[in-house]
C-alpha atoms as a PDB file:
ATOM      1  CA  MET A   1      29.023 -44.981 -35.664  1.00  0.00           C
ATOM      2  CA  ARG A   2      29.050 -41.280 -34.362  1.00  0.00           C
ATOM      3  CA  LEU A   3      26.231 -41.209 -31.744  1.00  0.00           C
ATOM      4  CA  PRO A   4      23.326 -38.767 -32.856  1.00  0.00           C
ATOM      5  CA  GLU A   5      22.901 -35.394 -30.884  1.00  0.00           C
ATOM      6  CA  LEU A   6      19.156 -35.465 -31.391  1.00  0.00           C
ATOM      7  CA  VAL A   7      16.747 -38.316 -32.266  1.00  0.00           C
ATOM      8  CA  ILE A   8      13.629 -37.343 -33.981  1.00  0.00           C
ATOM      9  CA  PHE A   9      10.712 -39.721 -33.798  1.00  0.00           C
ATOM     10  CA  ASP A  10       7.356 -39.658 -35.934  1.00  0.00           C
ATOM     11  CA  CYS A  11       4.715 -40.710 -33.860  1.00  0.00           C
ATOM     12  CA  ASP A  12       1.803 -42.729 -35.703  1.00  0.00           C
ATOM     13  CA  GLY A  13       2.999 -46.140 -36.454  1.00  0.00           C
ATOM     14  CA  THR A  14       6.652 -45.187 -34.681  1.00  0.00           C
ATOM     15  CA  LEU A  15       5.901 -44.380 -31.346  1.00  0.00           C
ATOM     16  CA  VAL A  16       2.217 -45.531 -31.168  1.00  0.00           C
ATOM     17  CA  ASP A  17       0.351 -48.031 -32.811  1.00  0.00           C
ATOM     18  CA  SER A  18      -2.371 -45.827 -34.429  1.00  0.00           C
ATOM     19  CA  GLU A  19      -1.581 -46.334 -38.143  1.00  0.00           C
ATOM     20  CA  ARG A  20      -3.154 -49.831 -38.506  1.00  0.00           C
ATOM     21  CA  ILE A  21      -6.573 -48.233 -37.166  1.00  0.00           C
ATOM     22  CA  ALA A  22      -6.049 -44.962 -39.052  1.00  0.00           C
ATOM     23  CA  ASN A  23      -5.667 -46.799 -42.513  1.00  0.00           C
ATOM     24  CA  GLU A  24      -8.521 -48.950 -41.941  1.00  0.00           C
ATOM     25  CA  VAL A  25     -10.655 -46.182 -41.083  1.00  0.00           C
ATOM     26  CA  PHE A  26      -9.580 -44.032 -44.099  1.00  0.00           C
ATOM     27  CA  ALA A  27      -9.608 -46.893 -46.454  1.00  0.00           C
ATOM     28  CA  ALA A  28     -13.395 -47.464 -45.808  1.00  0.00           C
ATOM     29  CA  LEU A  29     -13.960 -43.738 -46.259  1.00  0.00           C
ATOM     30  CA  ILE A  30     -12.443 -43.368 -49.261  1.00  0.00           C
ATOM     31  CA  THR A  31     -14.187 -46.530 -50.598  1.00  0.00           C
ATOM     32  CA  ALA A  32     -17.443 -45.012 -49.797  1.00  0.00           C
ATOM     33  CA  GLU A  33     -16.688 -41.617 -51.502  1.00  0.00           C
ATOM     34  CA  GLY A  34     -16.282 -43.784 -54.785  1.00  0.00           C
ATOM     35  CA  LEU A  35     -12.698 -44.497 -55.078  1.00  0.00           C
ATOM     36  CA  PRO A  36     -12.323 -48.352 -53.998  1.00  0.00           C
ATOM     37  CA  THR A  37      -9.155 -48.422 -51.709  1.00  0.00           C
ATOM     38  CA  GLY A  38      -7.906 -51.449 -49.631  1.00  0.00           C
ATOM     39  CA  PHE A  39      -6.039 -51.556 -46.507  1.00  0.00           C
ATOM     40  CA  ALA A  40      -2.457 -52.058 -48.337  1.00  0.00           C
ATOM     41  CA  GLU A  41      -3.215 -49.638 -50.776  1.00  0.00           C
ATOM     42  CA  CYS A  42      -3.875 -46.891 -48.349  1.00  0.00           C
ATOM     43  CA  VAL A  43      -0.823 -47.356 -46.642  1.00  0.00           C
ATOM     44  CA  GLU A  44       1.197 -47.181 -49.388  1.00  0.00           C
ATOM     45  CA  ARG A  45      -0.152 -44.130 -50.844  1.00  0.00           C
ATOM     46  CA  TYR A  46      -1.157 -42.164 -47.730  1.00  0.00           C
ATOM     47  CA  MET A  47       0.434 -42.953 -44.866  1.00  0.00           C
ATOM     48  CA  GLY A  48       2.584 -40.557 -43.303  1.00  0.00           C
ATOM     49  CA  ARG A  49       1.130 -37.302 -45.319  1.00  0.00           C
ATOM     50  CA  SER A  50      -0.808 -34.464 -44.214  1.00  0.00           C
ATOM     51  CA  ALA A  51      -4.447 -34.768 -44.475  1.00  0.00           C
ATOM     52  CA  GLY A  52      -4.760 -31.774 -46.744  1.00  0.00           C
ATOM     53  CA  SER A  53      -2.510 -33.673 -49.106  1.00  0.00           C
ATOM     54  CA  CYS A  54      -4.357 -36.794 -48.948  1.00  0.00           C
ATOM     55  CA  VAL A  55      -7.595 -35.077 -49.615  1.00  0.00           C
ATOM     56  CA  ALA A  56      -5.828 -33.208 -52.736  1.00  0.00           C
ATOM     57  CA  GLY A  57      -4.863 -36.282 -54.357  1.00  0.00           C
ATOM     58  CA  ILE A  58      -8.361 -38.207 -53.630  1.00  0.00           C
ATOM     59  CA  GLU A  59      -9.877 -35.203 -55.342  1.00  0.00           C
ATOM     60  CA  ARG A  60      -7.769 -35.061 -58.316  1.00  0.00           C
ATOM     61  CA  GLU A  61      -8.588 -38.820 -58.892  1.00  0.00           C
ATOM     62  CA  LEU A  62     -12.232 -38.490 -58.455  1.00  0.00           C
ATOM     63  CA  GLY A  63     -12.258 -35.334 -60.328  1.00  0.00           C
ATOM     64  CA  ARG A  64     -14.696 -33.574 -57.814  1.00  0.00           C
ATOM     65  CA  PRO A  65     -14.532 -32.099 -54.189  1.00  0.00           C
ATOM     66  CA  LEU A  66     -14.829 -34.739 -51.492  1.00  0.00           C
ATOM     67  CA  ARG A  67     -17.713 -34.194 -48.871  1.00  0.00           C
ATOM     68  CA  THR A  68     -16.615 -31.348 -46.621  1.00  0.00           C
ATOM     69  CA  ASP A  69     -16.782 -33.083 -43.479  1.00  0.00           C
ATOM     70  CA  LEU A  70     -14.837 -36.030 -44.572  1.00  0.00           C
ATOM     71  CA  LEU A  71     -11.972 -35.656 -42.525  1.00  0.00           C
ATOM     72  CA  ALA A  72     -14.160 -34.806 -39.538  1.00  0.00           C
ATOM     73  CA  LEU A  73     -15.735 -38.063 -39.833  1.00  0.00           C
ATOM     74  CA  ARG A  74     -12.173 -39.803 -39.996  1.00  0.00           C
ATOM     75  CA  THR A  75     -10.847 -38.170 -37.119  1.00  0.00           C
ATOM     76  CA  ALA A  76     -13.888 -38.895 -34.786  1.00  0.00           C
ATOM     77  CA  GLU A  77     -13.950 -42.732 -35.898  1.00  0.00           C
ATOM     78  CA  VAL A  78      -9.989 -42.993 -35.509  1.00  0.00           C
ATOM     79  CA  ASP A  79     -10.571 -41.262 -31.987  1.00  0.00           C
ATOM     80  CA  ARG A  80     -13.116 -43.553 -30.849  1.00  0.00           C
ATOM     81  CA  ARG A  81     -11.157 -46.543 -32.074  1.00  0.00           C
ATOM     82  CA  LEU A  82      -7.800 -45.110 -30.606  1.00  0.00           C
ATOM     83  CA  ALA A  83      -9.639 -44.467 -27.103  1.00  0.00           C
ATOM     84  CA  GLY A  84     -10.220 -48.292 -26.635  1.00  0.00           C
ATOM     85  CA  GLU A  85      -7.230 -49.614 -28.843  1.00  0.00           C
ATOM     86  CA  LEU A  86      -4.405 -47.570 -28.590  1.00  0.00           C
ATOM     87  CA  THR A  87      -1.176 -48.830 -27.452  1.00  0.00           C
ATOM     88  CA  ALA A  88       2.755 -48.210 -27.536  1.00  0.00           C
ATOM     89  CA  VAL A  89       4.480 -49.800 -30.284  1.00  0.00           C
ATOM     90  CA  PRO A  90       6.126 -52.880 -28.643  1.00  0.00           C
ATOM     91  CA  GLY A  91       9.671 -52.127 -27.750  1.00  0.00           C
ATOM     92  CA  VAL A  92       9.685 -48.450 -28.249  1.00  0.00           C
ATOM     93  CA  ARG A  93       9.519 -47.533 -24.226  1.00  0.00           C
ATOM     94  CA  GLU A  94      12.802 -49.753 -23.587  1.00  0.00           C
ATOM     95  CA  ALA A  95      14.381 -47.918 -26.628  1.00  0.00           C
ATOM     96  CA  LEU A  96      13.453 -44.597 -25.311  1.00  0.00           C
ATOM     97  CA  GLU A  97      14.863 -45.693 -22.128  1.00  0.00           C
ATOM     98  CA  VAL A  98      18.331 -46.294 -23.490  1.00  0.00           C
ATOM     99  CA  LEU A  99      18.264 -42.854 -25.306  1.00  0.00           C
ATOM    100  CA  ALA A 100      17.136 -41.104 -21.721  1.00  0.00           C
ATOM    101  CA  ALA A 101      19.950 -42.970 -19.740  1.00  0.00           C
ATOM    102  CA  ALA A 102      22.657 -41.907 -22.147  1.00  0.00           C
ATOM    103  CA  GLY A 103      21.423 -38.499 -21.993  1.00  0.00           C
ATOM    104  CA  THR A 104      20.262 -38.018 -25.875  1.00  0.00           C
ATOM    105  CA  PRO A 105      17.578 -35.518 -26.531  1.00  0.00           C
ATOM    106  CA  VAL A 106      14.703 -36.963 -28.339  1.00  0.00           C
ATOM    107  CA  CYS A 107      11.452 -34.890 -29.943  1.00  0.00           C
ATOM    108  CA  VAL A 108       8.686 -35.793 -32.047  1.00  0.00           C
ATOM    109  CA  ALA A 109       7.761 -34.389 -35.493  1.00  0.00           C
ATOM    110  CA  SER A 110       4.462 -35.576 -36.752  1.00  0.00           C
ATOM    111  CA  SER A 111       1.840 -34.859 -39.472  1.00  0.00           C
ATOM    112  CA  SER A 112      -0.896 -35.029 -36.724  1.00  0.00           C
ATOM    113  CA  THR A 113      -1.968 -32.136 -34.988  1.00  0.00           C
ATOM    114  CA  PRO A 114      -0.601 -30.788 -31.608  1.00  0.00           C
ATOM    115  CA  ALA A 115      -3.766 -32.170 -29.988  1.00  0.00           C
ATOM    116  CA  GLU A 116      -3.574 -35.591 -31.767  1.00  0.00           C
ATOM    117  CA  ILE A 117       0.093 -36.156 -30.859  1.00  0.00           C
ATOM    118  CA  GLU A 118      -0.649 -34.916 -27.234  1.00  0.00           C
ATOM    119  CA  PHE A 119      -3.344 -37.543 -26.942  1.00  0.00           C
ATOM    120  CA  ARG A 120      -1.265 -40.275 -28.443  1.00  0.00           C
ATOM    121  CA  LEU A 121       1.408 -39.713 -26.263  1.00  0.00           C
ATOM    122  CA  GLN A 122      -0.576 -39.308 -22.953  1.00  0.00           C
ATOM    123  CA  HIS A 123      -2.711 -42.143 -23.552  1.00  0.00           C
ATOM    124  CA  THR A 124       0.366 -44.452 -24.294  1.00  0.00           C
ATOM    125  CA  GLY A 125       2.365 -43.050 -21.279  1.00  0.00           C
ATOM    126  CA  LEU A 126       5.156 -42.172 -23.638  1.00  0.00           C
ATOM    127  CA  ALA A 127       4.988 -38.343 -22.867  1.00  0.00           C
ATOM    128  CA  GLU A 128       7.280 -38.287 -19.953  1.00  0.00           C
ATOM    129  CA  PHE A 129      10.181 -38.910 -22.271  1.00  0.00           C
ATOM    130  CA  PHE A 130       9.674 -35.796 -24.437  1.00  0.00           C
ATOM    131  CA  GLY A 131       9.099 -33.129 -22.005  1.00  0.00           C
ATOM    132  CA  GLY A 132       6.911 -31.234 -24.578  1.00  0.00           C
ATOM    133  CA  ALA A 133       9.522 -31.399 -27.168  1.00  0.00           C
ATOM    134  CA  VAL A 134       6.703 -32.126 -29.787  1.00  0.00           C
ATOM    135  CA  PHE A 135       6.290 -30.512 -33.245  1.00  0.00           C
ATOM    136  CA  SER A 136       3.317 -31.028 -35.618  1.00  0.00           C
ATOM    137  CA  ALA A 137       3.558 -30.307 -39.466  1.00  0.00           C
ATOM    138  CA  THR A 138       0.411 -28.643 -39.343  1.00  0.00           C
ATOM    139  CA  THR A 139       2.357 -25.527 -37.751  1.00  0.00           C
ATOM    140  CA  VAL A 140       4.840 -25.241 -40.889  1.00  0.00           C
ATOM    141  CA  PRO A 141       4.334 -24.309 -44.436  1.00  0.00           C
ATOM    142  CA  ASN A 142       4.596 -27.526 -45.923  1.00  0.00           C
ATOM    143  CA  GLY A 143       4.158 -31.198 -44.444  1.00  0.00           C
ATOM    144  CA  LYS A 144       5.716 -34.335 -45.445  1.00  0.00           C
ATOM    145  CA  PRO A 145       7.512 -35.024 -47.677  1.00  0.00           C
ATOM    146  CA  ALA A 146       8.882 -31.474 -47.483  1.00  0.00           C
ATOM    147  CA  PRO A 147      11.537 -31.212 -44.707  1.00  0.00           C
ATOM    148  CA  ASP A 148       9.818 -28.358 -43.099  1.00  0.00           C
ATOM    149  CA  VAL A 149       8.699 -29.977 -39.920  1.00  0.00           C
ATOM    150  CA  PHE A 150      12.134 -31.934 -39.435  1.00  0.00           C
ATOM    151  CA  LEU A 151      14.295 -28.636 -39.918  1.00  0.00           C
ATOM    152  CA  HIS A 152      11.499 -26.866 -37.509  1.00  0.00           C
ATOM    153  CA  ALA A 153      12.154 -29.415 -34.920  1.00  0.00           C
ATOM    154  CA  ALA A 154      16.292 -29.245 -35.086  1.00  0.00           C
ATOM    155  CA  LYS A 155      15.834 -25.624 -34.921  1.00  0.00           C
ATOM    156  CA  GLU A 156      13.842 -25.464 -32.095  1.00  0.00           C
ATOM    157  CA  MET A 157      16.027 -28.051 -30.093  1.00  0.00           C
ATOM    158  CA  GLY A 158      19.085 -26.266 -31.221  1.00  0.00           C
ATOM    159  CA  ARG A 159      20.679 -29.165 -33.323  1.00  0.00           C
ATOM    160  CA  ALA A 160      21.963 -28.884 -36.936  1.00  0.00           C
ATOM    161  CA  PRO A 161      20.427 -31.194 -39.415  1.00  0.00           C
ATOM    162  CA  GLN A 162      23.532 -33.286 -40.012  1.00  0.00           C
ATOM    163  CA  ASP A 163      23.618 -34.174 -36.246  1.00  0.00           C
ATOM    164  CA  CYS A 164      20.105 -35.364 -36.215  1.00  0.00           C
ATOM    165  CA  VAL A 165      18.602 -38.881 -37.163  1.00  0.00           C
ATOM    166  CA  VAL A 166      15.055 -39.406 -38.011  1.00  0.00           C
ATOM    167  CA  VAL A 167      13.052 -42.558 -37.098  1.00  0.00           C
ATOM    168  CA  GLU A 168      10.237 -42.902 -39.372  1.00  0.00           C
ATOM    169  CA  ASP A 169       7.706 -45.740 -40.706  1.00  0.00           C
ATOM    170  CA  SER A 170       6.749 -44.255 -43.868  1.00  0.00           C
ATOM    171  CA  VAL A 171       8.176 -43.395 -47.433  1.00  0.00           C
ATOM    172  CA  THR A 172       6.850 -39.764 -46.991  1.00  0.00           C
ATOM    173  CA  GLY A 173       8.362 -39.463 -43.794  1.00  0.00           C
ATOM    174  CA  VAL A 174      11.873 -41.217 -44.902  1.00  0.00           C
ATOM    175  CA  LEU A 175      11.689 -38.828 -47.923  1.00  0.00           C
ATOM    176  CA  ALA A 176      11.137 -35.329 -45.454  1.00  0.00           C
ATOM    177  CA  GLY A 177      13.840 -36.655 -43.437  1.00  0.00           C
ATOM    178  CA  LYS A 178      16.339 -37.023 -46.184  1.00  0.00           C
ATOM    179  CA  ALA A 179      15.277 -33.934 -47.702  1.00  0.00           C
ATOM    180  CA  ALA A 180      16.243 -32.330 -44.478  1.00  0.00           C
ATOM    181  CA  GLY A 181      19.476 -33.592 -44.804  1.00  0.00           C
ATOM    182  CA  MET A 182      19.326 -35.920 -41.704  1.00  0.00           C
ATOM    183  CA  ARG A 183      20.224 -39.523 -41.262  1.00  0.00           C
ATOM    184  CA  VAL A 184      16.861 -42.019 -41.628  1.00  0.00           C
ATOM    185  CA  ILE A 185      16.112 -45.060 -39.571  1.00  0.00           C
ATOM    186  CA  GLY A 186      13.153 -46.568 -41.570  1.00  0.00           C
ATOM    187  CA  PHE A 187      10.935 -48.831 -38.989  1.00  0.00           C
ATOM    188  CA  ALA A 188       9.198 -51.433 -41.305  1.00  0.00           C
ATOM    189  CA  ASP A 189       6.058 -52.093 -39.610  1.00  0.00           C
ATOM    190  CA  LEU A 190       3.119 -51.629 -42.058  1.00  0.00           C
ATOM    191  CA  MET A 191       5.653 -50.625 -44.882  1.00  0.00           C
ATOM    192  CA  ALA A 192       7.558 -52.727 -46.789  1.00  0.00           C
ATOM    193  CA  PRO A 193      11.497 -52.807 -45.840  1.00  0.00           C
ATOM    194  CA  ASP A 194      12.286 -52.355 -49.645  1.00  0.00           C
ATOM    195  CA  ALA A 195       9.756 -49.193 -50.003  1.00  0.00           C
ATOM    196  CA  LEU A 196      11.603 -47.369 -47.136  1.00  0.00           C
ATOM    197  CA  ARG A 197      14.843 -48.207 -48.682  1.00  0.00           C
ATOM    198  CA  ALA A 198      14.297 -47.052 -52.130  1.00  0.00           C
ATOM    199  CA  ALA A 199      13.177 -43.729 -50.512  1.00  0.00           C
ATOM    200  CA  GLY A 200      16.498 -43.573 -49.064  1.00  0.00           C
ATOM    201  CA  ALA A 201      16.202 -44.859 -45.405  1.00  0.00           C
ATOM    202  CA  ASP A 202      19.925 -45.285 -44.389  1.00  0.00           C
ATOM    203  CA  GLN A 203      18.967 -48.432 -42.448  1.00  0.00           C
ATOM    204  CA  VAL A 204      15.824 -50.286 -41.985  1.00  0.00           C
ATOM    205  CA  VAL A 205      14.697 -51.937 -38.591  1.00  0.00           C
ATOM    206  CA  ARG A 206      11.811 -54.540 -38.210  1.00  0.00           C
ATOM    207  CA  HIS A 207      11.056 -54.017 -34.390  1.00  0.00           C
ATOM    208  CA  ALA A 208      11.556 -50.887 -31.874  1.00  0.00           C
ATOM    209  CA  GLY A 209      13.813 -53.255 -29.804  1.00  0.00           C
ATOM    210  CA  GLU A 210      16.517 -53.083 -32.666  1.00  0.00           C
ATOM    211  CA  LEU A 211      16.750 -49.133 -32.586  1.00  0.00           C
ATOM    212  CA  PRO A 212      19.430 -48.231 -29.720  1.00  0.00           C
ATOM    213  CA  ALA A 213      21.902 -50.700 -31.925  1.00  0.00           C
ATOM    214  CA  ALA A 214      20.876 -48.863 -35.356  1.00  0.00           C
ATOM    215  CA  LEU A 215      21.741 -45.396 -33.401  1.00  0.00           C
ATOM    216  CA  GLY A 216      24.815 -46.719 -32.118  1.00  0.00           C
ATOM    217  CA  TYR A 217      24.042 -47.831 -28.585  1.00  0.00           C
ATOM    218  CA  GLN A 218      24.835 -51.391 -28.283  1.00  0.00           C
ATOM    219  CA  ALA A 219      23.654 -51.530 -24.371  1.00  0.00           C
ATOM    220  CA  ASN A 220      19.882 -53.203 -24.238  1.00  0.00           C
ATOM    221  CA  ALA A 221      19.672 -53.456 -27.743  1.00  0.00           C
ATOM    222  CA  ARG A 222      17.420 -56.295 -29.072  1.00  0.00           C
END
């Protein structure tokens, strides 16, 4: 297997264990707005999508605008819980250490805002691996599942799309990575492995400790 020239990580649910909290909060808010939504349904329908895309879809279903402060409420409650509960995904630090030892460049490409990404990486101690190579879908024309943020990341990092590997935990993210012409490894934590495969993931792992081997690095692979 040819080693990647750049590994692009999603953030929420891939590097940091934030998706469970975010989906619990969002499901409760959507339900309160009149669209009953359980945790599993929230994961399936909204995980990995930009906030604007989520709101547009919910408003179409409801047939009316959502309260204007819904996203602010979500952000405040998620941030409150993350401050006390956020941790790195188990095994991801060790996987990043393998890549660092091999000299493989890495970056982050996420649907979260730059400030949210920075908080998550700093809070979990993962920022040291990325050296500021962090890209937000809020700064490109189209969010995931469009490929914009991945193509932007590859360009800024000086790598061709075909030489990059994306690590993603959502169907939306997998679709975006494949649309960018990149190899995609699906990380099946909350999302079902079959859903990630159906979206086009070239390979699926269940634990971050499996990532080095999936990327072609055998040493220290779980």
